Amino acid sequence: MTTDQFEAVAVTTRANVYFDGKCVSHGITLADGTKKSLGVVLPASLTFNTGVAEIMECVAGACEYKLAGSNDWSKSGPGDKFSVPANSSFDIRVDQAYHYICHFG
């Protein structure tokens, strides 16, 4: 099941722009203080580093990803999630816009 919306949130209006505009996101804070980011990765092959553990949730589009230390690529489409450990990284390949929610912690 895909998350369609969040209620009662504070939104950071300035976008986070990474990789020369190939990834753009906005931070949100829920009423209980939980922080997330909502964004899109445009067609590209990129490597992301994590400071804290993350769960990537696909809300539209698709990607292939490979976690650090793995040789295997996995697919993620609408409703799919994948977890990335803290202080790690993952490679992502996108052929069409990949819309995501990043759940931190």
PDB file of N, CA and C in Angstrom:
ATOM      1  N   MET A   1       0.843  -1.179   0.000  1.00  0.00           N
ATOM      2  CA  MET A   1       0.000   0.000   0.000  1.00  0.00           C
ATOM      3  C   MET A   1       0.888   1.241   0.000  1.00  0.00           C
ATOM      4  N   THR A   2       0.563   2.186  -0.825  1.00  0.00           N
ATOM      5  CA  THR A   2       1.347   3.406  -0.972  1.00  0.00           C
ATOM      6  C   THR A   2       0.783   4.506  -0.080  1.00  0.00           C
ATOM      7  N   THR A   3       1.680   5.258   0.566  1.00  0.00           N
ATOM      8  CA  THR A   3       1.267   6.417   1.348  1.00  0.00           C
ATOM      9  C   THR A   3       0.863   7.514   0.374  1.00  0.00           C
ATOM     10  N   ASP A   4      -0.384   8.000   0.480  1.00  0.00           N
ATOM     11  CA  ASP A   4      -0.874   9.017  -0.445  1.00  0.00           C
ATOM     12  C   ASP A   4      -0.725  10.439   0.080  1.00  0.00           C
ATOM     13  N   GLN A   5      -0.825  10.626   1.401  1.00  0.00           N
ATOM     14  CA  GLN A   5      -0.671  11.975   1.958  1.00  0.00           C
ATOM     15  C   GLN A   5      -0.406  11.898   3.447  1.00  0.00           C
ATOM     16  N   PHE A   6       0.106  12.997   3.987  1.00  0.00           N
ATOM     17  CA  PHE A   6       0.324  13.160   5.415  1.00  0.00           C
ATOM     18  C   PHE A   6      -0.521  14.332   5.877  1.00  0.00           C
ATOM     19  N   GLU A   7      -1.099  14.207   7.053  1.00  0.00           N
ATOM     20  CA  GLU A   7      -1.900  15.285   7.644  1.00  0.00           C
ATOM     21  C   GLU A   7      -1.047  16.059   8.646  1.00  0.00           C
ATOM     22  N   ALA A   8      -1.378  17.332   8.844  1.00  0.00           N
ATOM     23  CA  ALA A   8      -0.780  18.184   9.887  1.00  0.00           C
ATOM     24  C   ALA A   8       0.745  18.100   9.899  1.00  0.00           C
ATOM     25  N   VAL A   9       1.369  18.599   8.841  1.00  0.00           N
ATOM     26  CA  VAL A   9       2.818  18.575   8.739  1.00  0.00           C
ATOM     27  C   VAL A   9       3.372  19.983   8.560  1.00  0.00           C
ATOM     28  N   ALA A  10       4.621  20.135   8.950  1.00  0.00           N
ATOM     29  CA  ALA A  10       5.379  21.342   8.627  1.00  0.00           C
ATOM     30  C   ALA A  10       6.283  20.970   7.456  1.00  0.00           C
ATOM     31  N   VAL A  11       6.326  21.831   6.443  1.00  0.00           N
ATOM     32  CA  VAL A  11       7.102  21.560   5.232  1.00  0.00           C
ATOM     33  C   VAL A  11       8.232  22.571   5.119  1.00  0.00           C
ATOM     34  N   THR A  12       9.429  22.076   4.857  1.00  0.00           N
ATOM     35  CA  THR A  12      10.554  22.955   4.561  1.00  0.00           C
ATOM     36  C   THR A  12      10.383  23.424   3.120  1.00  0.00           C
ATOM     37  N   THR A  13      10.229  24.722   2.939  1.00  0.00           N
ATOM     38  CA  THR A  13       9.894  25.230   1.604  1.00  0.00           C
ATOM     39  C   THR A  13      11.074  25.249   0.643  1.00  0.00           C
ATOM     40  N   ARG A  14      12.275  25.311   1.157  1.00  0.00           N
ATOM     41  CA  ARG A  14      13.445  25.295   0.269  1.00  0.00           C
ATOM     42  C   ARG A  14      13.785  23.852  -0.080  1.00  0.00           C
ATOM     43  N   ALA A  15      13.896  23.575  -1.354  1.00  0.00           N
ATOM     44  CA  ALA A  15      14.175  22.217  -1.822  1.00  0.00           C
ATOM     45  C   ALA A  15      15.622  21.825  -1.557  1.00  0.00           C
ATOM     46  N   ASN A  16      15.823  20.535  -1.299  1.00  0.00           N
ATOM     47  CA  ASN A  16      17.157  19.941  -1.282  1.00  0.00           C
ATOM     48  C   ASN A  16      17.413  19.457  -2.708  1.00  0.00           C
ATOM     49  N   VAL A  17      18.445  19.963  -3.345  1.00  0.00           N
ATOM     50  CA  VAL A  17      18.742  19.606  -4.723  1.00  0.00           C
ATOM     51  C   VAL A  17      20.105  18.910  -4.742  1.00  0.00           C
ATOM     52  N   TYR A  18      20.107  17.669  -5.233  1.00  0.00           N
ATOM     53  CA  TYR A  18      21.316  16.856  -5.261  1.00  0.00           C
ATOM     54  C   TYR A  18      21.645  16.449  -6.697  1.00  0.00           C
ATOM     55  N   PHE A  19      22.913  16.127  -6.922  1.00  0.00           N
ATOM     56  CA  PHE A  19      23.349  15.566  -8.197  1.00  0.00           C
ATOM     57  C   PHE A  19      22.900  16.420  -9.380  1.00  0.00           C
ATOM     58  N   ASP A  20      23.184  17.740  -9.296  1.00  0.00           N
ATOM     59  CA  ASP A  20      22.872  18.664 -10.402  1.00  0.00           C
ATOM     60  C   ASP A  20      21.398  18.617 -10.807  1.00  0.00           C
ATOM     61  N   GLY A  21      20.518  18.471  -9.813  1.00  0.00           N
ATOM     62  CA  GLY A  21      19.082  18.484 -10.073  1.00  0.00           C
ATOM     63  C   GLY A  21      18.480  17.137 -10.406  1.00  0.00           C
ATOM     64  N   LYS A  22      19.262  16.075 -10.374  1.00  0.00           N
ATOM     65  CA  LYS A  22      18.712  14.744 -10.674  1.00  0.00           C
ATOM     66  C   LYS A  22      17.893  14.182  -9.508  1.00  0.00           C
ATOM     67  N   CYS A  23      18.048  14.771  -8.320  1.00  0.00           N
ATOM     68  CA  CYS A  23      17.244  14.404  -7.155  1.00  0.00           C
ATOM     69  C   CYS A  23      16.846  15.689  -6.437  1.00  0.00           C
ATOM     70  N   VAL A  24      15.550  15.847  -6.212  1.00  0.00           N
ATOM     71  CA  VAL A  24      15.025  17.031  -5.524  1.00  0.00           C
ATOM     72  C   VAL A  24      14.050  16.558  -4.455  1.00  0.00           C
ATOM     73  N   SER A  25      14.190  17.074  -3.233  1.00  0.00           N
ATOM     74  CA  SER A  25      13.292  16.668  -2.154  1.00  0.00           C
ATOM     75  C   SER A  25      12.956  17.848  -1.252  1.00  0.00           C
ATOM     76  N   HIS A  26      11.905  17.656  -0.461  1.00  0.00           N
ATOM     77  CA  HIS A  26      11.503  18.604   0.578  1.00  0.00           C
ATOM     78  C   HIS A  26      11.376  17.852   1.881  1.00  0.00           C
ATOM     79  N   GLY A  27      11.837  18.451   2.964  1.00  0.00           N
ATOM     80  CA  GLY A  27      11.701  17.853   4.282  1.00  0.00           C
ATOM     81  C   GLY A  27      10.347  18.179   4.881  1.00  0.00           C
ATOM     82  N   ILE A  28       9.792  17.213   5.604  1.00  0.00           N
ATOM     83  CA  ILE A  28       8.562  17.447   6.339  1.00  0.00           C
ATOM     84  C   ILE A  28       8.758  16.973   7.776  1.00  0.00           C
ATOM     85  N   THR A  29       8.018  17.589   8.690  1.00  0.00           N
ATOM     86  CA  THR A  29       8.007  17.165  10.083  1.00  0.00           C
ATOM     87  C   THR A  29       6.559  16.924  10.476  1.00  0.00           C
ATOM     88  N   LEU A  30       6.266  15.709  10.942  1.00  0.00           N
ATOM     89  CA  LEU A  30       4.918  15.361  11.370  1.00  0.00           C
ATOM     90  C   LEU A  30       4.624  15.966  12.735  1.00  0.00           C
ATOM     91  N   ALA A  31       3.366  15.973  13.122  1.00  0.00           N
ATOM     92  CA  ALA A  31       2.945  16.562  14.397  1.00  0.00           C
ATOM     93  C   ALA A  31       3.682  15.937  15.582  1.00  0.00           C
ATOM     94  N   ASP A  32       4.045  14.647  15.489  1.00  0.00           N
ATOM     95  CA  ASP A  32       4.750  13.977  16.595  1.00  0.00           C
ATOM     96  C   ASP A  32       6.264  14.197  16.554  1.00  0.00           C
ATOM     97  N   GLY A  33       6.759  15.017  15.602  1.00  0.00           N
ATOM     98  CA  GLY A  33       8.180  15.319  15.499  1.00  0.00           C
ATOM     99  C   GLY A  33       8.946  14.426  14.537  1.00  0.00           C
ATOM    100  N   THR A  34       8.300  13.405  13.999  1.00  0.00           N
ATOM    101  CA  THR A  34       8.939  12.513  13.036  1.00  0.00           C
ATOM    102  C   THR A  34       9.305  13.286  11.766  1.00  0.00           C
ATOM    103  N   LYS A  35      10.537  13.082  11.291  1.00  0.00           N
ATOM    104  CA  LYS A  35      11.001  13.767  10.080  1.00  0.00           C
ATOM    105  C   LYS A  35      11.069  12.784   8.911  1.00  0.00           C
ATOM    106  N   LYS A  36      10.689  13.282   7.730  1.00  0.00           N
ATOM    107  CA  LYS A  36      10.730  12.515   6.501  1.00  0.00           C
ATOM    108  C   LYS A  36      11.131  13.461   5.381  1.00  0.00           C
ATOM    109  N   SER A  37      11.439  12.913   4.224  1.00  0.00           N
ATOM    110  CA  SER A  37      11.599  13.757   3.042  1.00  0.00           C
ATOM    111  C   SER A  37      10.788  13.134   1.912  1.00  0.00           C
ATOM    112  N   LEU A  38      10.285  14.008   1.054  1.00  0.00           N
ATOM    113  CA  LEU A  38       9.501  13.613  -0.107  1.00  0.00           C
ATOM    114  C   LEU A  38      10.222  14.139  -1.324  1.00  0.00           C
ATOM    115  N   GLY A  39      10.423  13.279  -2.311  1.00  0.00           N
ATOM    116  CA  GLY A  39      11.168  13.774  -3.456  1.00  0.00           C
ATOM    117  C   GLY A  39      11.012  12.931  -4.696  1.00  0.00           C
ATOM    118  N   VAL A  40      11.834  13.284  -5.670  1.00  0.00           N
ATOM    119  CA  VAL A  40      11.843  12.592  -6.952  1.00  0.00           C
ATOM    120  C   VAL A  40      13.285  12.470  -7.435  1.00  0.00           C
ATOM    121  N   VAL A  41      13.598  11.294  -7.978  1.00  0.00           N
ATOM    122  CA  VAL A  41      14.878  11.081  -8.641  1.00  0.00           C
ATOM    123  C   VAL A  41      14.565  10.958 -10.130  1.00  0.00           C
ATOM    124  N   LEU A  42      15.197  11.797 -10.921  1.00  0.00           N
ATOM    125  CA  LEU A  42      15.016  11.773 -12.372  1.00  0.00           C
ATOM    126  C   LEU A  42      15.963  10.737 -12.983  1.00  0.00           C
ATOM    127  N   PRO A  43      15.754  10.351 -14.239  1.00  0.00           N
ATOM    128  CA  PRO A  43      16.595   9.313 -14.838  1.00  0.00           C
ATOM    129  C   PRO A  43      18.087   9.578 -14.641  1.00  0.00           C
ATOM    130  N   ALA A  44      18.744   8.585 -13.991  1.00  0.00           N
ATOM    131  CA  ALA A  44      20.163   8.698 -13.663  1.00  0.00           C
ATOM    132  C   ALA A  44      20.617   7.418 -12.975  1.00  0.00           C
ATOM    133  N   SER A  45      21.924   7.298 -12.792  1.00  0.00           N
ATOM    134  CA  SER A  45      22.535   6.270 -11.942  1.00  0.00           C
ATOM    135  C   SER A  45      23.314   7.028 -10.880  1.00  0.00           C
ATOM    136  N   LEU A  46      22.935   6.856  -9.600  1.00  0.00           N
ATOM    137  CA  LEU A  46      23.476   7.666  -8.513  1.00  0.00           C
ATOM    138  C   LEU A  46      23.858   6.794  -7.323  1.00  0.00           C
ATOM    139  N   THR A  47      24.688   7.336  -6.437  1.00  0.00           N
ATOM    140  CA  THR A  47      25.018   6.695  -5.167  1.00  0.00           C
ATOM    141  C   THR A  47      24.671   7.656  -4.042  1.00  0.00           C
ATOM    142  N   PHE A  48      23.856   7.180  -3.096  1.00  0.00           N
ATOM    143  CA  PHE A  48      23.460   7.963  -1.926  1.00  0.00           C
ATOM    144  C   PHE A  48      24.134   7.390  -0.690  1.00  0.00           C
ATOM    145  N   ASN A  49      24.589   8.268   0.195  1.00  0.00           N
ATOM    146  CA  ASN A  49      25.148   7.873   1.487  1.00  0.00           C
ATOM    147  C   ASN A  49      24.131   8.177   2.577  1.00  0.00           C
ATOM    148  N   THR A  50      24.103   7.331   3.614  1.00  0.00           N
ATOM    149  CA  THR A  50      23.181   7.546   4.724  1.00  0.00           C
ATOM    150  C   THR A  50      23.953   7.859   5.997  1.00  0.00           C
ATOM    151  N   GLY A  51      23.369   8.738   6.822  1.00  0.00           N
ATOM    152  CA  GLY A  51      23.897   8.990   8.152  1.00  0.00           C
ATOM    153  C   GLY A  51      23.104   8.186   9.169  1.00  0.00           C
ATOM    154  N   VAL A  52      21.780   8.208   9.004  1.00  0.00           N
ATOM    155  CA  VAL A  52      20.880   7.422   9.849  1.00  0.00           C
ATOM    156  C   VAL A  52      20.216   6.365   8.971  1.00  0.00           C
ATOM    157  N   ALA A  53      19.615   5.373   9.606  1.00  0.00           N
ATOM    158  CA  ALA A  53      18.901   4.341   8.850  1.00  0.00           C
ATOM    159  C   ALA A  53      17.741   4.994   8.094  1.00  0.00           C
ATOM    160  N   GLU A  54      17.468   4.491   6.909  1.00  0.00           N
ATOM    161  CA  GLU A  54      16.398   5.038   6.076  1.00  0.00           C
ATOM    162  C   GLU A  54      15.549   3.906   5.514  1.00  0.00           C
ATOM    163  N   ILE A  55      14.283   4.200   5.318  1.00  0.00           N
ATOM    164  CA  ILE A  55      13.394   3.325   4.560  1.00  0.00           C
ATOM    165  C   ILE A  55      12.911   4.137   3.377  1.00  0.00           C
ATOM    166  N   MET A  56      13.186   3.647   2.184  1.00  0.00           N
ATOM    167  CA  MET A  56      12.769   4.315   0.957  1.00  0.00           C
ATOM    168  C   MET A  56      11.464   3.681   0.492  1.00  0.00           C
ATOM    169  N   GLU A  57      10.423   4.498   0.351  1.00  0.00           N
ATOM    170  CA  GLU A  57       9.111   4.041  -0.091  1.00  0.00           C
ATOM    171  C   GLU A  57       8.813   4.640  -1.456  1.00  0.00           C
ATOM    172  N   CYS A  58       8.525   3.796  -2.437  1.00  0.00           N
ATOM    173  CA  CYS A  58       8.175   4.263  -3.777  1.00  0.00           C
ATOM    174  C   CYS A  58       6.691   4.613  -3.822  1.00  0.00           C
ATOM    175  N   VAL A  59       6.381   5.836  -4.256  1.00  0.00           N
ATOM    176  CA  VAL A  59       4.978   6.235  -4.399  1.00  0.00           C
ATOM    177  C   VAL A  59       4.566   6.326  -5.865  1.00  0.00           C
ATOM    178  N   ALA A  60       5.517   6.408  -6.782  1.00  0.00           N
ATOM    179  CA  ALA A  60       5.236   6.399  -8.218  1.00  0.00           C
ATOM    180  C   ALA A  60       6.548   6.159  -8.960  1.00  0.00           C
ATOM    181  N   GLY A  61       6.440   5.641 -10.176  1.00  0.00           N
ATOM    182  CA  GLY A  61       7.631   5.357 -10.957  1.00  0.00           C
ATOM    183  C   GLY A  61       8.272   4.063 -10.499  1.00  0.00           C
ATOM    184  N   ALA A  62       9.557   3.944 -10.722  1.00  0.00           N
ATOM    185  CA  ALA A  62      10.278   2.729 -10.367  1.00  0.00           C
ATOM    186  C   ALA A  62      11.775   3.004 -10.343  1.00  0.00           C
ATOM    187  N   CYS A  63      12.496   2.096  -9.686  1.00  0.00           N
ATOM    188  CA  CYS A  63      13.956   2.173  -9.678  1.00  0.00           C
ATOM    189  C   CYS A  63      14.511   0.774  -9.485  1.00  0.00           C
ATOM    190  N   GLU A  64      15.806   0.654  -9.687  1.00  0.00           N
ATOM    191  CA  GLU A  64      16.566  -0.503  -9.267  1.00  0.00           C
ATOM    192  C   GLU A  64      17.582   0.014  -8.265  1.00  0.00           C
ATOM    193  N   TYR A  65      17.832  -0.766  -7.213  1.00  0.00           N
ATOM    194  CA  TYR A  65      18.772  -0.329  -6.182  1.00  0.00           C
ATOM    195  C   TYR A  65      19.667  -1.495  -5.767  1.00  0.00           C
ATOM    196  N   LYS A  66      20.845  -1.119  -5.271  1.00  0.00           N
ATOM    197  CA  LYS A  66      21.812  -2.093  -4.773  1.00  0.00           C
ATOM    198  C   LYS A  66      22.399  -1.533  -3.487  1.00  0.00           C
ATOM    199  N   LEU A  67      22.239  -2.271  -2.396  1.00  0.00           N
ATOM    200  CA  LEU A  67      22.767  -1.841  -1.111  1.00  0.00           C
ATOM    201  C   LEU A  67      24.273  -2.044  -1.059  1.00  0.00           C
ATOM    202  N   ALA A  68      24.962  -1.230  -0.256  1.00  0.00           N
ATOM    203  CA  ALA A  68      26.410  -1.363  -0.093  1.00  0.00           C
ATOM    204  C   ALA A  68      26.743  -2.788   0.328  1.00  0.00           C
ATOM    205  N   GLY A  69      27.785  -3.353  -0.272  1.00  0.00           N
ATOM    206  CA  GLY A  69      28.219  -4.697   0.063  1.00  0.00           C
ATOM    207  C   GLY A  69      27.496  -5.797  -0.689  1.00  0.00           C
ATOM    208  N   SER A  70      26.506  -5.423  -1.486  1.00  0.00           N
ATOM    209  CA  SER A  70      25.762  -6.414  -2.261  1.00  0.00           C
ATOM    210  C   SER A  70      26.138  -6.305  -3.734  1.00  0.00           C
ATOM    211  N   ASN A  71      26.024  -7.414  -4.434  1.00  0.00           N
ATOM    212  CA  ASN A  71      26.228  -7.398  -5.882  1.00  0.00           C
ATOM    213  C   ASN A  71      24.917  -7.462  -6.629  1.00  0.00           C
ATOM    214  N   ASP A  72      23.808  -7.600  -5.876  1.00  0.00           N
ATOM    215  CA  ASP A  72      22.502  -7.834  -6.476  1.00  0.00           C
ATOM    216  C   ASP A  72      21.675  -6.559  -6.581  1.00  0.00           C
ATOM    217  N   TRP A  73      21.102  -6.340  -7.751  1.00  0.00           N
ATOM    218  CA  TRP A  73      20.179  -5.236  -7.973  1.00  0.00           C
ATOM    219  C   TRP A  73      18.765  -5.735  -7.704  1.00  0.00           C
ATOM    220  N   SER A  74      17.951  -4.920  -7.036  1.00  0.00           N
ATOM    221  CA  SER A  74      16.551  -5.230  -6.760  1.00  0.00           C
ATOM    222  C   SER A  74      15.691  -4.134  -7.353  1.00  0.00           C
ATOM    223  N   LYS A  75      14.445  -4.470  -7.653  1.00  0.00           N
ATOM    224  CA  LYS A  75      13.515  -3.486  -8.222  1.00  0.00           C
ATOM    225  C   LYS A  75      12.582  -2.967  -7.144  1.00  0.00           C
ATOM    226  N   SER A  76      12.180  -1.707  -7.275  1.00  0.00           N
ATOM    227  CA  SER A  76      11.219  -1.083  -6.372  1.00  0.00           C
ATOM    228  C   SER A  76      10.222  -0.287  -7.206  1.00  0.00           C
ATOM    229  N   GLY A  77       8.934  -0.560  -7.006  1.00  0.00           N
ATOM    230  CA  GLY A  77       7.862   0.145  -7.696  1.00  0.00           C
ATOM    231  C   GLY A  77       6.840   0.648  -6.695  1.00  0.00           C
ATOM    232  N   PRO A  78       5.753   1.231  -7.144  1.00  0.00           N
ATOM    233  CA  PRO A  78       4.752   1.808  -6.243  1.00  0.00           C
ATOM    234  C   PRO A  78       4.324   0.827  -5.138  1.00  0.00           C
ATOM    235  N   GLY A  79       4.408   1.298  -3.907  1.00  0.00           N
ATOM    236  CA  GLY A  79       4.047   0.495  -2.743  1.00  0.00           C
ATOM    237  C   GLY A  79       5.205  -0.299  -2.162  1.00  0.00           C
ATOM    238  N   ASP A  80       6.323  -0.407  -2.895  1.00  0.00           N
ATOM    239  CA  ASP A  80       7.490  -1.144  -2.403  1.00  0.00           C
ATOM    240  C   ASP A  80       8.332  -0.259  -1.497  1.00  0.00           C
ATOM    241  N   LYS A  81       9.036  -0.901  -0.550  1.00  0.00           N
ATOM    242  CA  LYS A  81       9.953  -0.210   0.353  1.00  0.00           C
ATOM    243  C   LYS A  81      11.254  -1.001   0.428  1.00  0.00           C
ATOM    244  N   PHE A  82      12.347  -0.281   0.672  1.00  0.00           N
ATOM    245  CA  PHE A  82      13.600  -0.962   0.986  1.00  0.00           C
ATOM    246  C   PHE A  82      14.321  -0.187   2.072  1.00  0.00           C
ATOM    247  N   SER A  83      15.049  -0.940   2.904  1.00  0.00           N
ATOM    248  CA  SER A  83      15.737  -0.362   4.064  1.00  0.00           C
ATOM    249  C   SER A  83      17.222  -0.235   3.788  1.00  0.00           C
ATOM    250  N   VAL A  84      17.796   0.874   4.259  1.00  0.00           N
ATOM    251  CA  VAL A  84      19.218   1.135   4.121  1.00  0.00           C
ATOM    252  C   VAL A  84      19.761   1.392   5.527  1.00  0.00           C
ATOM    253  N   PRO A  85      20.800   0.664   5.945  1.00  0.00           N
ATOM    254  CA  PRO A  85      21.342   0.872   7.294  1.00  0.00           C
ATOM    255  C   PRO A  85      21.977   2.258   7.457  1.00  0.00           C
ATOM    256  N   ALA A  86      22.136   2.659   8.709  1.00  0.00           N
ATOM    257  CA  ALA A  86      22.838   3.908   9.023  1.00  0.00           C
ATOM    258  C   ALA A  86      24.292   3.804   8.582  1.00  0.00           C
ATOM    259  N   ASN A  87      24.882   4.939   8.258  1.00  0.00           N
ATOM    260  CA  ASN A  87      26.295   5.014   7.878  1.00  0.00           C
ATOM    261  C   ASN A  87      26.640   4.013   6.778  1.00  0.00           C
ATOM    262  N   SER A  88      25.825   4.002   5.750  1.00  0.00           N
ATOM    263  CA  SER A  88      25.996   3.081   4.643  1.00  0.00           C
ATOM    264  C   SER A  88      25.751   3.834   3.338  1.00  0.00           C
ATOM    265  N   SER A  89      25.427   3.096   2.282  1.00  0.00           N
ATOM    266  CA  SER A  89      25.127   3.725   1.000  1.00  0.00           C
ATOM    267  C   SER A  89      24.303   2.766   0.155  1.00  0.00           C
ATOM    268  N   PHE A  90      23.748   3.322  -0.915  1.00  0.00           N
ATOM    269  CA  PHE A  90      23.082   2.490  -1.905  1.00  0.00           C
ATOM    270  C   PHE A  90      23.201   3.146  -3.269  1.00  0.00           C
ATOM    271  N   ASP A  91      23.270   2.297  -4.290  1.00  0.00           N
ATOM    272  CA  ASP A  91      23.259   2.750  -5.675  1.00  0.00           C
ATOM    273  C   ASP A  91      21.824   2.659  -6.164  1.00  0.00           C
ATOM    274  N   ILE A  92      21.442   3.602  -7.021  1.00  0.00           N
ATOM    275  CA  ILE A  92      20.093   3.604  -7.568  1.00  0.00           C
ATOM    276  C   ILE A  92      20.173   3.898  -9.063  1.00  0.00           C
ATOM    277  N   ARG A  93      19.378   3.154  -9.831  1.00  0.00           N
ATOM    278  CA  ARG A  93      19.264   3.376 -11.275  1.00  0.00           C
ATOM    279  C   ARG A  93      17.796   3.688 -11.565  1.00  0.00           C
ATOM    280  N   VAL A  94      17.578   4.784 -12.273  1.00  0.00           N
ATOM    281  CA  VAL A  94      16.221   5.240 -12.565  1.00  0.00           C
ATOM    282  C   VAL A  94      16.094   5.490 -14.058  1.00  0.00           C
ATOM    283  N   ASP A  95      15.084   4.871 -14.684  1.00  0.00           N
ATOM    284  CA  ASP A  95      14.809   5.086 -16.105  1.00  0.00           C
ATOM    285  C   ASP A  95      13.640   6.037 -16.318  1.00  0.00           C
ATOM    286  N   GLN A  96      12.751   6.125 -15.322  1.00  0.00           N
ATOM    287  CA  GLN A  96      11.625   7.059 -15.343  1.00  0.00           C
ATOM    288  C   GLN A  96      11.601   7.711 -13.965  1.00  0.00           C
ATOM    289  N   ALA A  97      10.940   8.827 -13.813  1.00  0.00           N
ATOM    290  CA  ALA A  97      10.937   9.523 -12.523  1.00  0.00           C
ATOM    291  C   ALA A  97      10.503   8.585 -11.404  1.00  0.00           C
ATOM    292  N   TYR A  98      11.303   8.540 -10.338  1.00  0.00           N
ATOM    293  CA  TYR A  98      11.049   7.711  -9.150  1.00  0.00           C
ATOM    294  C   TYR A  98      10.637   8.658  -8.028  1.00  0.00           C
ATOM    295  N   HIS A  99       9.365   8.615  -7.650  1.00  0.00           N
ATOM    296  CA  HIS A  99       8.828   9.461  -6.582  1.00  0.00           C
ATOM    297  C   HIS A  99       8.896   8.675  -5.281  1.00  0.00           C
ATOM    298  N   TYR A 100       9.442   9.295  -4.232  1.00  0.00           N
ATOM    299  CA  TYR A 100       9.679   8.535  -3.006  1.00  0.00           C
ATOM    300  C   TYR A 100       9.353   9.327  -1.745  1.00  0.00           C
ATOM    301  N   ILE A 101       9.200   8.563  -0.676  1.00  0.00           N
ATOM    302  CA  ILE A 101       9.189   9.094   0.689  1.00  0.00           C
ATOM    303  C   ILE A 101      10.373   8.429   1.381  1.00  0.00           C
ATOM    304  N   CYS A 102      11.213   9.224   2.016  1.00  0.00           N
ATOM    305  CA  CYS A 102      12.313   8.696   2.796  1.00  0.00           C
ATOM    306  C   CYS A 102      11.928   8.814   4.272  1.00  0.00           C
ATOM    307  N   HIS A 103      11.786   7.652   4.913  1.00  0.00           N
ATOM    308  CA  HIS A 103      11.460   7.585   6.339  1.00  0.00           C
ATOM    309  C   HIS A 103      12.779   7.437   7.084  1.00  0.00           C
ATOM    310  N   PHE A 104      13.088   8.353   7.991  1.00  0.00           N
ATOM    311  CA  PHE A 104      14.362   8.323   8.707  1.00  0.00           C
ATOM    312  C   PHE A 104      14.236   7.573  10.024  1.00  0.00           C
ATOM    313  N   GLY A 105      15.324   6.863  10.390  1.00  0.00           N
ATOM    314  CA  GLY A 105      15.395   6.210  11.689  1.00  0.00           C
ATOM    315  C   GLY A 105      14.821   4.912  11.695  1.00  0.00           C
TER     316      GLY A 105
END
